Protein backbone atom coordinates (compact mmCIF):
# COMPACT_ATOMS: atom_id res chain seq x y z
CA MET A 1 -49.10 59.44 164.59
CA THR A 2 -45.70 61.10 164.99
CA ARG A 3 -46.63 64.33 166.79
CA ILE A 4 -48.31 65.22 170.05
CA THR A 5 -51.07 67.74 169.49
CA VAL A 6 -53.54 69.48 171.76
CA GLN A 7 -56.28 67.30 170.28
CA TYR A 8 -54.29 64.18 171.15
CA LEU A 9 -53.87 65.38 174.73
CA ARG A 10 -57.58 66.08 175.03
CA GLN A 11 -58.29 62.54 173.81
CA ARG A 12 -55.89 61.23 176.45
CA GLY A 13 -57.73 63.19 179.15
CA ALA A 14 -55.15 65.90 179.81
CA CYS A 15 -57.75 68.58 179.14
CA CYS A 16 -61.39 68.23 180.05
CA SER A 17 -64.10 70.27 181.73
CA GLU A 18 -64.23 68.25 184.96
CA PRO A 19 -63.63 70.31 188.13
CA GLY A 20 -60.10 70.18 189.44
CA ASN A 21 -58.51 69.19 186.15
CA ARG A 22 -55.12 70.88 185.93
CA TYR A 23 -55.03 71.53 182.22
CA SER A 24 -57.24 74.02 180.45
CA ASP A 25 -56.87 75.00 176.81
CA GLU A 26 -54.70 77.90 177.97
CA ALA A 27 -52.45 75.58 179.96
CA LEU A 28 -51.95 73.39 176.90
CA ALA A 29 -51.14 76.34 174.66
CA PRO A 30 -47.34 76.05 175.21
CA LEU A 31 -47.43 72.85 173.21
CA GLY A 32 -47.03 75.13 170.27
CA PRO A 33 -48.16 74.94 166.66
CA PRO A 34 -51.36 73.21 165.48
CA GLU A 35 -49.29 70.41 164.01
CA GLY A 36 -48.00 69.65 167.50
CA LEU A 37 -44.60 68.61 168.75
CA THR A 38 -42.53 65.45 168.55
CA PRO A 39 -42.20 63.36 171.72
CA LEU A 40 -38.59 64.53 172.02
CA GLU A 41 -39.69 68.17 171.81
CA VAL A 42 -42.29 67.55 174.52
CA CYS A 43 -39.65 65.84 176.63
CA ASP A 44 -37.53 69.01 176.45
CA LEU A 45 -40.46 71.42 177.01
CA SER A 46 -39.41 73.03 180.28
CA VAL A 47 -42.59 75.10 180.68
CA ILE A 48 -44.42 71.88 181.63
CA PRO A 49 -43.42 69.97 184.81
CA ALA A 50 -41.33 66.87 184.22
CA GLU A 51 -43.95 64.59 185.77
CA ASP A 52 -46.57 65.81 183.29
CA ARG A 53 -44.24 65.36 180.36
CA LEU A 54 -43.62 61.81 181.54
CA TRP A 55 -47.38 61.19 181.70
CA VAL A 56 -47.65 62.16 178.03
CA ILE A 57 -44.64 60.29 176.71
CA LEU A 58 -44.78 57.04 178.70
CA HIS A 59 -47.24 55.47 176.29
CA GLU A 60 -47.06 52.87 173.52
CA ASP A 61 -47.88 55.59 171.01
CA TRP A 62 -44.33 56.90 171.47
CA ILE A 63 -42.23 54.19 173.13
CA HIS A 64 -42.25 50.48 172.40
CA ALA A 65 -43.88 48.33 175.10
CA ALA A 66 -40.64 46.44 175.78
CA GLU A 67 -38.76 49.66 176.45
CA LEU A 68 -41.57 51.00 178.62
CA ARG A 69 -41.32 47.92 180.82
CA LEU A 70 -37.53 48.13 180.88
CA LEU A 71 -37.74 51.76 181.99
CA ALA A 72 -40.04 50.61 184.78
CA CYS A 73 -37.51 47.96 185.80
CA TRP A 74 -34.66 50.45 185.68
CA TRP A 75 -36.50 52.84 188.00
CA ALA A 76 -37.62 50.01 190.27
CA ARG A 77 -33.99 48.90 190.67
CA GLY A 78 -33.02 52.38 191.74
CA ALA A 79 -35.90 52.60 194.19
CA LEU A 80 -35.12 49.23 195.76
CA ALA A 81 -31.48 50.25 196.24
CA LEU A 82 -32.51 53.28 198.32
CA GLY A 83 -33.17 51.08 201.34
CA GLY A 84 -29.66 49.64 201.39
CA THR A 85 -29.34 45.99 200.39
CA PRO A 86 -32.47 45.14 198.37
CA GLU A 87 -34.56 42.12 199.34
CA PRO A 88 -33.42 39.34 196.95
CA ARG A 89 -36.92 38.17 196.05
CA SER A 90 -37.97 41.67 195.01
CA VAL A 91 -34.84 42.03 192.92
CA ALA A 92 -35.54 38.64 191.32
CA ALA A 93 -39.04 39.80 190.37
CA VAL A 94 -37.59 42.86 188.62
CA GLU A 95 -34.97 40.72 186.87
CA THR A 96 -37.68 38.36 185.66
CA ALA A 97 -39.71 41.34 184.41
CA GLU A 98 -36.64 42.48 182.48
CA ARG A 99 -36.30 39.08 180.86
CA PHE A 100 -40.03 39.01 180.16
CA ALA A 101 -39.76 42.40 178.41
CA ILE A 102 -37.22 41.04 175.94
CA GLY A 103 -38.93 37.68 175.43
CA ARG A 104 -36.66 35.58 177.65
CA ALA A 105 -39.15 34.73 180.41
CA THR A 106 -42.64 33.30 180.26
CA PRO A 107 -45.74 34.70 181.95
CA GLU A 108 -45.60 31.69 184.28
CA GLU A 109 -42.05 32.56 185.33
CA LEU A 110 -43.14 36.15 185.93
CA ASP A 111 -46.05 34.94 188.08
CA ALA A 112 -43.76 32.71 190.14
CA ALA A 113 -41.17 35.43 190.70
CA TRP A 114 -43.84 37.85 191.72
CA ALA A 115 -45.43 35.43 194.16
CA ALA A 116 -42.05 35.18 195.89
CA ALA A 117 -41.75 38.98 195.96
CA ARG A 118 -45.19 39.27 197.55
CA ASP A 119 -44.00 36.90 200.28
CA ALA A 120 -40.96 39.12 200.78
CA ALA A 121 -43.16 42.17 201.20
CA ARG A 122 -45.34 40.36 203.70
CA ASP A 123 -42.27 39.31 205.69
CA ALA A 124 -40.96 42.88 205.76
CA ALA A 125 -44.32 44.25 206.81
CA TRP A 126 -44.19 42.10 209.95
CA ASP A 127 -40.59 42.98 210.81
CA ALA A 128 -40.69 45.27 213.84
CA ALA A 129 -37.15 46.46 213.20
CA TRP A 130 -38.26 48.71 210.33
CA ALA A 131 -38.51 52.37 211.36
CA ALA A 132 -41.62 54.20 210.13
CA ALA A 133 -39.77 56.51 207.74
CA ARG A 134 -37.86 53.64 206.22
CA ASP A 135 -41.07 51.66 205.92
CA ALA A 136 -42.54 54.47 203.85
CA ALA A 137 -39.57 54.65 201.51
CA TRP A 138 -39.39 50.87 201.22
CA ALA A 139 -43.11 50.64 200.51
CA ALA A 140 -42.79 53.09 197.65
CA ALA A 141 -39.79 51.17 196.32
CA TRP A 142 -41.70 47.91 196.53
CA GLU A 143 -44.63 49.47 194.68
CA ALA A 144 -42.21 50.50 191.93
CA ALA A 145 -40.98 46.92 191.68
CA TRP A 146 -44.57 45.64 191.66
CA ALA A 147 -45.43 47.94 188.77
CA ALA A 148 -42.36 46.91 186.82
CA ALA A 149 -43.09 43.22 187.11
CA TRP A 150 -46.84 43.05 186.97
CA ASP A 151 -48.64 45.95 185.29
CA ALA A 152 -49.13 46.45 181.57
CA ALA A 153 -46.07 48.10 180.02
CA ARG A 154 -47.53 51.62 179.82
CA ASP A 155 -48.94 51.53 183.34
CA ALA A 156 -45.77 49.89 184.64
CA ALA A 157 -43.59 52.71 183.38
CA ARG A 158 -45.84 55.44 184.74
CA ALA A 159 -46.36 53.78 188.10
CA ALA A 160 -42.70 52.85 188.55
CA ALA A 161 -41.66 56.40 187.68
CA ARG A 162 -44.05 57.81 190.28
CA ASP A 163 -43.18 55.27 192.96
CA ALA A 164 -39.43 55.52 192.41
CA ALA A 165 -39.62 59.30 192.76
CA ARG A 166 -41.74 58.85 195.88
CA ALA A 167 -39.18 56.45 197.34
CA ALA A 168 -36.40 58.98 196.73
CA ALA A 169 -38.46 61.73 198.34
CA ARG A 170 -39.38 59.64 201.36
CA ALA A 171 -35.79 58.61 201.90
CA ALA A 172 -34.87 62.30 202.37
CA ALA A 173 -34.93 63.53 205.93
CA ARG A 174 -36.54 66.99 205.72
CA ASP A 175 -39.43 68.53 203.78
CA ALA A 176 -37.17 70.70 201.62
CA ALA A 177 -34.90 67.74 200.95
CA ARG A 178 -37.89 65.58 200.05
CA ASP A 179 -39.11 68.16 197.55
CA ALA A 180 -35.65 68.42 196.03
CA ALA A 181 -35.35 64.63 195.88
CA TRP A 182 -38.71 64.34 194.13
CA ASP A 183 -37.75 66.98 191.56
CA ALA A 184 -34.33 65.43 190.99
CA ALA A 185 -35.84 61.98 190.53
CA ARG A 186 -38.36 63.25 188.00
CA ASP A 187 -35.67 65.13 186.09
CA ALA A 188 -33.50 62.02 186.03
CA GLN A 189 -36.42 59.98 184.73
CA ARG A 190 -37.05 62.54 182.00
CA ALA A 191 -33.40 62.22 181.00
CA ASP A 192 -33.79 58.43 180.87
CA VAL A 193 -36.85 58.76 178.64
CA ARG A 194 -34.91 61.11 176.40
CA ARG A 195 -32.24 58.43 175.95
CA VAL A 196 -34.93 56.00 174.82
CA LEU A 197 -36.50 58.52 172.44
CA THR A 198 -33.15 59.28 170.80
CA GLY A 199 -32.31 55.59 170.45
CA GLU A 200 -29.38 55.70 172.87
CA TRP A 201 -31.19 53.19 175.10
CA THR A 202 -33.02 50.29 173.46
CA SER A 203 -34.25 46.88 174.49
CA GLU A 204 -31.31 45.41 172.58
CA ASN A 205 -28.68 47.22 174.66
CA TYR A 206 -30.48 47.14 178.02
CA GLN A 207 -27.47 45.64 179.80
CA GLU A 208 -25.53 48.77 178.87
CA TRP A 209 -28.05 51.03 180.66
CA ARG A 210 -26.58 50.01 183.99
CA PRO A 211 -23.61 52.00 185.30
């Protein structure tokens, strides 16, 4: 399959008859011709919110599992940095997940790194010096790191994207700023996915993704 069609989206659950579902047939109509659109065309389809485009594209049907996990790690790194100096054990878990994605770490190494990161989270949870707002942002960042290191590649990318955007939003001080931060984070993630779809970012040049 090389194109995303309305039928494909229905099969994925984007359109069903259950109450509260956001997407009706009419809502999916902007996806265009019966033959559908390429993932890159969907990525650029501004009539659909960025978060929904990410939901469609962050899947092994369109992006290799290694690159999905590396996207998750990339977003987790950004989320962890929002709290200032990231906790070293959480960073190590993301680094191990990166190496795992490109075949340079074993599942056992990933398990060990993640056990240490869980200890780090437990330590932070008991630290009374954390303010409530920072706790919320840090928790979302930690969830992004958890997704990157532990979940299946597809779920890792989706969850890390959501949690990294949530961390950016929670780090903002006011409601309007939080909304803007969320939107900016999602737009930045869409741009990252576009780089993967066009071949600018690959698992082979992952070190070059970093600024």
